Amino acid sequence: MTFALVDCNSFYASCERIFRPDIKKRPVVVLSNNDGCVVALSKEAKQLGIKMCEPWFKIEKSFVKKGGIAFSSNYELYADVSSRVMQTLEYLSPAVEVYSIDEAFLDITGLRNYEAFGHQCRKTIDRWVGIPVCVGIGPTKTLAKVANYGAKHYPATNGVVDLTDPERRKKLMGLMPVREVWGVGSRINKKLNSLGVETALELAEIDTKLIKRKFSSVLERTVMELKGYPCIGLEQQPKTKKQIVVSRTFSKKVDDLDSINEAVSDYASRACEKLRREDQYCKMVSVFMRTNYFRKQDKQYHGFRSYKLFSPTNDTRDILNATRRLTKQIFKTNTNFIKAGVMLSDFYDEDVYQGDLFRTVDKRINSKELMMTIDKINTSGVGRVTFASQGIKKTWSMRRLLKSPRYLTNWEEMPVVK
């Protein structure tokens, strides 16, 4: 088998540059919720010494003074660009596993020239979407990850590395720190270092029985993959989620029930949209809210409560009825809340659960058709249908003062060429 890993370079920052050619060479950072800290940065920003997770208020003045530009997270834009990248990859290869918002594995077994295919991927995605990518190719998914590391760190490769040649594979793994291997976290890295394992090549040459005894069968699989034996196949059908959680930190402290209920209702509505995209029905609804742990002067509280529905549903109205009840139960007066969220769990496929023989048939508009209509409107780009309990002003919503337009998902924010 032969796998290719296509990984977008500085994805969030690259998305912001698609419609802003004036910042192609400028340092770019993307900020977390409420513009708190740096969660993505361009190559130019890294060269200025900016690190991931640095608080924005600490670096703002010096970064802007050096010509840098910052953006609030524009999740709608990033999701749409990601979808376009993945659709392009599906055009180029019949077998694609979407691994994350900016990464995908491809099964390219049988191609005559793997490196030429990698360059074709880069050229096509750049032309059709405008996102730069690197391509790593190897006989296993882990080695494709190793190859992608080489494609990103060595400019002479022109963004494509093929590790199907064993000698080339050994050379790159000898240069690659073991902490960069897929699945090796900081704790495992320290333990491997104590055993004298510093590079990916040294990990590949270690006895697999020793690894299984001292670590786990998961790391054993990683070692086998580094040796060139495929242990992890391509998953073209994503696994069904076990639960869906939507939570946000408020832009300011919230202490009234109406505002909390608006926020929870808004999160519940978003969770239901995700649930329907999964073609699932849930029976368990949970709500949680908490105060700011770092404000020692405030009264601390963490509330969590669940409600089991009468029967599985993905109708937003049913979920909102449950969350309103739960919010009222766990809310406390004279308490400054900073975060709340909704969790949906106990999922069922459609028509595979046992109904109640004596329950009265619901005479309302067909639930499935209504929810499909709402979802279609909400993804059309012309506006959104919301429920009254979600509020209108939403003064509690997260702060995004530096957000770019939703160029691809909102008709009013589309770029205009003059």
Protein backbone atom coordinates (compact mmCIF):
# COMPACT_ATOMS: atom_id res chain seq x y z
CA MET A 1 0.00 0.00 0.00
CA THR A 2 1.00 3.63 -0.46
CA PHE A 3 -0.47 6.57 1.42
CA ALA A 4 -0.25 10.32 0.87
CA LEU A 5 -0.84 12.86 3.63
CA VAL A 6 -1.92 16.26 2.34
CA ASP A 7 -1.53 18.93 5.03
CA CYS A 8 -2.45 22.61 4.59
CA ASN A 9 0.28 25.07 5.58
CA SER A 10 -0.66 27.50 8.39
CA PHE A 11 -4.28 26.77 7.50
CA TYR A 12 -6.17 29.50 9.39
CA ALA A 13 -3.66 32.16 8.37
CA SER A 14 -3.71 30.92 4.76
CA CYS A 15 -7.52 31.14 4.71
CA GLU A 16 -7.32 34.80 5.74
CA ARG A 17 -4.87 35.48 2.90
CA ILE A 18 -7.03 34.07 0.10
CA PHE A 19 -9.02 37.30 -0.31
CA ARG A 20 -6.27 39.60 1.02
CA PRO A 21 -3.36 39.57 -1.45
CA ASP A 22 -1.99 42.65 0.34
CA ILE A 23 -0.98 40.49 3.34
CA LYS A 24 0.65 37.60 1.43
CA LYS A 25 4.08 38.42 2.87
CA ARG A 26 3.04 40.02 6.15
CA PRO A 27 3.12 38.21 9.52
CA VAL A 28 -0.39 36.90 10.31
CA VAL A 29 -1.82 35.47 13.52
CA VAL A 30 -5.30 34.12 14.27
CA LEU A 31 -6.70 34.49 17.78
CA SER A 32 -8.76 32.19 19.98
CA ASN A 33 -12.30 32.80 21.26
CA ASN A 34 -12.73 36.30 22.73
CA ASP A 35 -9.44 37.27 21.04
CA GLY A 36 -7.56 35.73 23.95
CA CYS A 37 -4.39 34.13 22.61
CA VAL A 38 -2.64 33.06 19.39
CA VAL A 39 -3.95 29.75 17.99
CA ALA A 40 -2.49 29.92 14.47
CA LEU A 41 0.34 31.86 12.85
CA SER A 42 2.05 32.24 9.51
CA LYS A 43 5.68 31.44 8.74
CA GLU A 44 6.50 35.16 8.89
CA ALA A 45 4.95 35.45 12.36
CA LYS A 46 7.03 32.49 13.57
CA GLN A 47 10.15 34.24 12.31
CA LEU A 48 9.29 37.19 14.57
CA GLY A 49 9.42 34.82 17.56
CA ILE A 50 5.67 34.61 18.12
CA LYS A 51 4.66 31.38 19.86
CA MET A 52 1.43 29.40 19.94
CA CYS A 53 -0.90 30.23 22.85
CA GLU A 54 0.79 33.57 23.58
CA PRO A 55 -1.71 36.04 25.13
CA TRP A 56 -2.66 38.66 22.55
CA PHE A 57 -2.59 41.59 24.98
CA LYS A 58 1.10 40.89 25.69
CA ILE A 59 2.31 40.92 22.08
CA GLU A 60 -0.23 43.20 20.37
CA LYS A 61 1.75 46.45 20.35
CA SER A 62 5.10 45.00 19.28
CA PHE A 63 3.50 42.69 16.69
CA VAL A 64 1.53 45.46 15.01
CA LYS A 65 4.56 47.76 15.12
CA LYS A 66 6.52 45.15 13.14
CA GLY A 67 3.86 45.08 10.42
CA GLY A 68 1.89 42.09 11.67
CA ILE A 69 -1.87 41.70 11.30
CA ALA A 70 -4.23 39.75 13.56
CA PHE A 71 -7.63 38.17 12.92
CA SER A 72 -10.33 36.83 15.19
CA SER A 73 -11.25 33.20 14.49
CA ASN A 74 -13.58 33.05 11.48
CA TYR A 75 -14.84 29.47 11.81
CA GLU A 76 -17.42 29.79 9.03
CA LEU A 77 -14.70 30.74 6.53
CA TYR A 78 -12.27 28.03 7.66
CA ALA A 79 -14.89 25.28 7.50
CA ASP A 80 -15.94 26.24 3.96
CA VAL A 81 -12.35 26.46 2.68
CA SER A 82 -11.61 23.08 4.28
CA SER A 83 -14.61 21.58 2.48
CA ARG A 84 -13.30 22.91 -0.85
CA VAL A 85 -9.84 21.45 -0.22
CA MET A 86 -11.32 18.03 0.61
CA GLN A 87 -13.57 18.10 -2.47
CA THR A 88 -10.52 18.82 -4.61
CA LEU A 89 -8.68 15.86 -3.07
CA GLU A 90 -11.68 13.61 -3.77
CA TYR A 91 -11.43 14.69 -7.40
CA LEU A 92 -7.74 13.73 -7.46
CA SER A 93 -8.06 10.43 -5.56
CA PRO A 94 -11.01 8.03 -5.17
CA ALA A 95 -10.02 7.04 -1.60
CA VAL A 96 -9.78 9.95 0.87
CA GLU A 97 -9.87 10.01 4.68
CA VAL A 98 -10.52 13.48 6.10
CA TYR A 99 -8.30 13.40 9.19
CA SER A 100 -8.83 16.96 10.44
CA ILE A 101 -9.93 20.36 9.17
CA ASP A 102 -6.59 20.79 7.37
CA GLU A 103 -5.33 17.23 6.80
CA ALA A 104 -6.36 14.23 4.73
CA PHE A 105 -4.93 10.81 3.95
CA LEU A 106 -5.15 9.43 0.39
CA ASP A 107 -4.69 5.87 -0.82
CA ILE A 108 -2.55 6.22 -3.95
CA THR A 109 -1.48 2.59 -4.30
CA GLY A 110 -0.55 1.69 -7.87
CA LEU A 111 0.39 5.12 -9.21
CA ARG A 112 3.47 5.17 -11.44
CA ASN A 113 5.02 8.38 -10.13
CA TYR A 114 4.15 9.26 -6.55
CA GLU A 115 6.19 12.45 -6.43
CA ALA A 116 4.57 13.79 -9.60
CA PHE A 117 1.17 13.13 -8.03
CA GLY A 118 2.21 15.11 -4.93
CA HIS A 119 3.16 18.12 -7.05
CA GLN A 120 -0.11 17.81 -8.96
CA CYS A 121 -1.98 17.96 -5.63
CA ARG A 122 -0.12 21.10 -4.58
CA LYS A 123 -0.63 22.83 -7.92
CA THR A 124 -4.34 21.93 -8.21
CA ILE A 125 -5.28 22.97 -4.65
CA ASP A 126 -3.34 26.22 -5.01
CA ARG A 127 -5.08 27.02 -8.30
CA TRP A 128 -8.61 25.93 -7.35
CA VAL A 129 -8.72 26.98 -3.69
CA GLY A 130 -5.70 29.18 -3.03
CA ILE A 131 -4.30 27.20 -0.08
CA PRO A 132 -0.63 26.06 0.03
CA VAL A 133 -0.16 22.42 1.04
CA CYS A 134 2.63 19.93 1.68
CA VAL A 135 2.42 16.28 0.64
CA GLY A 136 4.10 13.35 2.39
CA ILE A 137 4.10 9.90 0.77
CA GLY A 138 4.92 6.56 2.39
CA PRO A 139 4.00 2.86 2.59
CA THR A 140 2.17 3.45 5.91
CA LYS A 141 0.15 6.33 7.34
CA THR A 142 2.81 7.00 10.00
CA LEU A 143 5.55 7.15 7.36
CA ALA A 144 3.36 9.49 5.31
CA LYS A 145 3.30 11.72 8.40
CA VAL A 146 7.11 11.48 8.62
CA ALA A 147 7.36 12.41 4.95
CA ASN A 148 5.08 15.40 5.50
CA TYR A 149 7.37 16.55 8.32
CA GLY A 150 10.24 16.54 5.81
CA ALA A 151 8.15 18.38 3.21
CA LYS A 152 7.40 21.16 5.71
CA HIS A 153 10.88 21.53 7.21
CA TYR A 154 13.12 21.25 4.16
CA PRO A 155 12.45 23.88 1.41
CA ALA A 156 14.57 21.97 -1.13
CA THR A 157 11.80 19.33 -1.33
CA ASN A 158 9.37 21.88 -2.85
CA GLY A 159 6.67 20.65 -0.50
CA VAL A 160 6.64 16.98 -1.56
CA VAL A 161 8.56 14.06 -0.01
CA ASP A 162 8.28 10.42 -1.15
CA LEU A 163 9.52 7.87 1.40
CA THR A 164 8.78 4.71 -0.56
CA ASP A 165 12.57 4.35 -0.97
CA PRO A 166 13.95 2.67 2.24
CA GLU A 167 17.28 4.52 2.11
CA ARG A 168 15.64 7.92 1.84
CA ARG A 169 13.30 6.89 4.64
CA LYS A 170 16.18 6.08 6.99
CA LYS A 171 17.94 9.35 6.20
CA LEU A 172 14.92 11.49 7.08
CA MET A 173 14.01 9.50 10.20
CA GLY A 174 17.58 9.93 11.41
CA LEU A 175 17.09 13.72 11.29
CA MET A 176 13.59 13.74 12.80
CA PRO A 177 13.25 14.11 16.62
CA VAL A 178 11.19 11.29 18.13
CA ARG A 179 8.78 13.84 19.66
CA GLU A 180 7.63 14.69 16.11
CA VAL A 181 6.45 11.13 15.40
CA TRP A 182 2.68 10.78 15.06
CA GLY A 183 1.26 9.63 18.41
CA VAL A 184 4.34 10.42 20.53
CA GLY A 185 3.32 13.00 23.14
CA SER A 186 5.50 14.84 25.64
CA ARG A 187 5.16 12.16 28.35
CA ILE A 188 6.07 9.30 25.99
CA ASN A 189 8.88 11.42 24.51
CA LYS A 190 10.50 11.86 27.94
CA LYS A 191 10.28 8.13 28.65
CA LEU A 192 11.74 7.26 25.24
CA ASN A 193 14.57 9.76 25.79
CA SER A 194 15.37 8.05 29.09
CA LEU A 195 15.79 4.80 27.12
CA GLY A 196 18.19 6.52 24.73
CA VAL A 197 15.67 6.96 21.90
CA GLU A 198 16.13 10.44 20.45
CA THR A 199 15.18 10.12 16.77
CA ALA A 200 12.42 8.50 14.73
CA LEU A 201 14.99 6.09 13.27
CA GLU A 202 16.04 4.89 16.73
CA LEU A 203 12.37 4.29 17.55
CA ALA A 204 11.90 2.35 14.30
CA GLU A 205 14.86 0.10 15.14
CA ILE A 206 13.80 -0.72 18.70
CA ASP A 207 12.36 -4.13 19.60
CA THR A 208 8.56 -4.04 19.33
CA LYS A 209 8.16 -6.49 22.24
CA LEU A 210 10.03 -4.06 24.49
CA ILE A 211 7.79 -1.21 23.37
CA LYS A 212 4.62 -3.18 24.08
CA ARG A 213 5.91 -4.21 27.52
CA LYS A 214 7.05 -0.75 28.60
CA PHE A 215 4.43 1.38 26.79
CA SER A 216 1.34 0.09 24.98
CA SER A 217 0.09 -1.77 21.92
CA VAL A 218 -0.71 1.64 20.38
CA LEU A 219 2.96 2.68 20.37
CA GLU A 220 3.84 -0.83 19.21
CA ARG A 221 1.67 -0.22 16.13
CA THR A 222 3.47 3.07 15.55
CA VAL A 223 6.85 1.30 15.62
CA MET A 224 5.59 -1.35 13.19
CA GLU A 225 4.41 1.40 10.85
CA LEU A 226 7.80 3.11 11.06
CA LYS A 227 9.34 -0.21 10.03
CA GLY A 228 7.10 -0.16 6.94
CA TYR A 229 4.34 -2.57 7.97
CA PRO A 230 0.83 -1.04 7.52
CA CYS A 231 -1.21 -1.39 10.73
CA ILE A 232 -3.66 1.51 10.29
CA GLY A 233 -5.97 1.44 7.31
CA LEU A 234 -7.78 4.24 5.53
CA GLU A 235 -11.08 5.20 7.16
CA GLN A 236 -13.18 6.68 4.38
CA GLN A 237 -16.35 6.56 6.48
CA PRO A 238 -15.90 8.76 9.59
CA LYS A 239 -16.79 7.11 12.87
CA THR A 240 -20.10 8.08 14.42
CA LYS A 241 -19.60 10.46 17.32
CA LYS A 242 -20.41 9.26 20.83
CA GLN A 243 -21.38 12.74 21.97
CA ILE A 244 -21.60 16.33 20.78
CA VAL A 245 -20.51 19.24 22.98
CA VAL A 246 -20.95 22.94 22.20
CA SER A 247 -19.62 25.41 24.75
CA ARG A 248 -18.24 28.93 24.74
CA THR A 249 -16.61 31.37 27.12
CA PHE A 250 -18.66 34.55 27.48
CA SER A 251 -17.23 37.92 26.47
CA LYS A 252 -18.05 39.19 29.97
CA LYS A 253 -19.33 37.86 33.28
CA VAL A 254 -23.01 36.87 33.17
CA ASP A 255 -25.15 36.70 36.30
CA ASP A 256 -28.80 36.72 35.12
CA LEU A 257 -30.92 33.71 34.19
CA ASP A 258 -32.29 35.20 30.95
CA SER A 259 -28.83 35.74 29.45
CA ILE A 260 -27.63 32.30 30.54
CA ASN A 261 -30.73 30.72 29.04
CA GLU A 262 -30.17 32.59 25.74
CA ALA A 263 -26.58 31.33 25.57
CA VAL A 264 -27.48 27.74 26.42
CA SER A 265 -30.34 27.79 23.88
CA ASP A 266 -27.97 29.09 21.20
CA TYR A 267 -25.44 26.35 21.94
CA ALA A 268 -28.20 23.72 21.97
CA SER A 269 -29.37 24.86 18.53
CA ARG A 270 -25.84 24.54 17.14
CA ALA A 271 -25.46 21.10 18.74
CA CYS A 272 -28.71 19.98 17.07
CA GLU A 273 -27.41 21.10 13.69
CA LYS A 274 -24.33 18.94 14.20
CA LEU A 275 -26.50 16.05 15.37
CA ARG A 276 -28.59 16.16 12.20
CA ARG A 277 -25.45 16.28 10.04
CA GLU A 278 -24.47 13.01 11.70
CA ASP A 279 -27.94 11.56 10.92
CA GLN A 280 -28.31 10.71 14.59
CA TYR A 281 -30.96 11.06 17.30
CA CYS A 282 -30.12 11.65 20.95
CA LYS A 283 -31.87 10.70 24.17
CA MET A 284 -29.67 12.39 26.78
CA VAL A 285 -29.29 16.18 27.09
CA SER A 286 -26.86 17.80 29.54
CA VAL A 287 -26.20 21.42 30.48
CA PHE A 288 -23.22 22.79 32.39
CA MET A 289 -22.05 26.22 33.50
CA ARG A 290 -19.18 27.49 35.61
CA THR A 291 -17.53 30.54 37.08
CA ASN A 292 -14.01 31.86 36.41
CA TYR A 293 -11.58 29.72 38.43
CA PHE A 294 -8.92 32.42 38.20
CA ARG A 295 -11.02 35.03 40.01
CA LYS A 296 -10.43 33.87 43.56
CA GLN A 297 -12.46 36.80 44.89
CA ASP A 298 -15.63 35.43 43.23
CA LYS A 299 -17.87 32.72 44.61
CA GLN A 300 -16.90 29.55 42.74
CA TYR A 301 -19.48 27.18 41.28
CA HIS A 302 -19.72 24.45 38.65
CA GLY A 303 -23.17 23.17 37.76
CA PHE A 304 -23.96 20.10 35.66
CA ARG A 305 -27.25 18.30 35.15
CA SER A 306 -28.68 15.83 32.63
CA TYR A 307 -32.16 15.01 31.41
CA LYS A 308 -33.25 11.80 29.69
CA LEU A 309 -35.74 12.45 26.91
CA PHE A 310 -38.88 10.36 26.48
CA SER A 311 -37.66 9.15 23.08
CA PRO A 312 -34.64 9.90 20.83
CA THR A 313 -34.92 13.11 18.81
CA ASN A 314 -32.91 15.59 16.76
CA ASP A 315 -35.67 18.21 16.74
CA THR A 316 -34.25 21.47 18.09
CA ARG A 317 -37.56 22.30 19.79
CA ASP A 318 -37.43 19.16 21.93
CA ILE A 319 -33.82 19.79 22.92
CA LEU A 320 -34.55 23.44 23.80
CA ASN A 321 -37.40 22.39 26.09
CA ALA A 322 -34.95 20.16 27.96
CA THR A 323 -32.14 22.73 28.18
CA ARG A 324 -34.45 25.46 29.49
CA ARG A 325 -35.54 23.13 32.28
CA LEU A 326 -31.96 22.15 33.12
CA THR A 327 -30.68 25.74 33.03
CA LYS A 328 -33.29 26.83 35.53
CA GLN A 329 -32.36 23.95 37.85
CA ILE A 330 -28.60 24.59 37.99
CA PHE A 331 -28.57 28.40 37.79
CA LYS A 332 -27.56 30.23 40.98
CA THR A 333 -28.26 33.88 41.74
CA ASN A 334 -25.48 36.31 42.69
CA THR A 335 -22.97 34.20 40.77
CA ASN A 336 -20.71 35.44 37.97
CA PHE A 337 -20.72 32.83 35.22
CA ILE A 338 -18.02 32.85 32.57
CA LYS A 339 -18.80 29.71 30.55
CA ALA A 340 -21.72 27.43 29.69
CA GLY A 341 -22.32 24.55 27.36
CA VAL A 342 -24.58 21.77 26.11
CA MET A 343 -23.78 18.09 25.65
CA LEU A 344 -25.87 15.62 23.62
CA SER A 345 -25.28 11.89 24.12
CA ASP A 346 -26.87 8.42 24.01
CA PHE A 347 -27.22 8.41 20.21
CA TYR A 348 -29.49 6.27 18.06
CA ASP A 349 -29.81 5.70 14.34
CA GLU A 350 -33.14 6.61 12.79
CA ASP A 351 -35.93 4.03 13.32
CA VAL A 352 -33.81 1.58 15.34
CA TYR A 353 -35.14 2.42 18.81
CA GLN A 354 -38.21 1.06 20.57
CA GLY A 355 -41.09 3.55 20.62
CA ASP A 356 -43.98 3.76 23.07
CA LEU A 357 -47.18 2.01 22.01
CA PHE A 358 -49.38 4.31 24.11
CA ARG A 359 -47.80 7.67 23.27
CA THR A 360 -50.08 10.11 21.43
CA VAL A 361 -48.94 10.77 17.86
CA ASP A 362 -47.59 14.30 17.44
CA LYS A 363 -49.86 16.31 15.13
CA ARG A 364 -47.37 19.12 14.50
CA ILE A 365 -45.67 19.80 11.19
CA ASN A 366 -43.47 16.86 10.26
CA SER A 367 -40.40 17.32 12.47
CA LYS A 368 -37.85 15.98 10.00
CA GLU A 369 -39.06 18.16 7.12
CA LEU A 370 -39.16 21.26 9.31
CA MET A 371 -35.61 20.75 10.62
CA MET A 372 -34.32 20.04 7.09
CA THR A 373 -35.89 23.27 5.86
CA ILE A 374 -34.34 25.30 8.68
CA ASP A 375 -30.91 23.76 8.08
CA LYS A 376 -31.17 24.49 4.35
CA ILE A 377 -31.97 28.15 5.00
CA ASN A 378 -29.19 28.46 7.57
CA THR A 379 -26.58 27.14 5.13
CA SER A 380 -27.79 29.18 2.15
CA GLY A 381 -25.84 32.31 3.07
CA VAL A 382 -28.89 34.60 2.98
CA GLY A 383 -29.63 34.56 6.71
CA ARG A 384 -30.47 32.34 9.66
CA VAL A 385 -33.66 31.04 11.22
CA THR A 386 -33.35 31.09 14.99
CA PHE A 387 -35.62 30.38 17.92
CA ALA A 388 -36.80 33.18 20.21
CA SER A 389 -35.05 31.62 23.22
CA GLN A 390 -31.68 32.15 21.47
CA GLY A 391 -32.04 35.91 21.96
CA ILE A 392 -31.46 38.82 19.60
CA LYS A 393 -28.76 41.16 20.93
CA LYS A 394 -26.66 38.38 22.49
CA THR A 395 -24.53 40.67 24.62
CA TRP A 396 -22.95 37.57 26.17
CA SER A 397 -21.57 36.24 22.86
CA MET A 398 -17.83 35.83 22.46
CA ARG A 399 -15.80 38.85 21.39
CA ARG A 400 -14.45 38.79 17.81
CA LEU A 401 -13.39 42.38 17.16
CA LEU A 402 -10.91 41.49 14.40
CA LYS A 403 -13.02 39.03 12.41
CA SER A 404 -12.72 39.06 8.63
CA PRO A 405 -15.82 38.85 6.39
CA ARG A 406 -17.45 35.46 5.75
CA TYR A 407 -16.49 35.69 2.08
CA LEU A 408 -17.87 32.29 1.08
CA THR A 409 -20.90 31.74 3.32
CA ASN A 410 -22.75 35.05 3.46
CA TRP A 411 -24.14 36.91 0.45
CA GLU A 412 -23.77 40.30 2.15
CA GLU A 413 -20.08 39.71 2.87
CA MET A 414 -18.97 38.40 -0.51
CA PRO A 415 -15.93 40.20 -2.01
CA VAL A 416 -16.78 42.82 -4.64
CA VAL A 417 -14.50 43.27 -7.66
CA LYS A 418 -14.58 46.77 -9.10
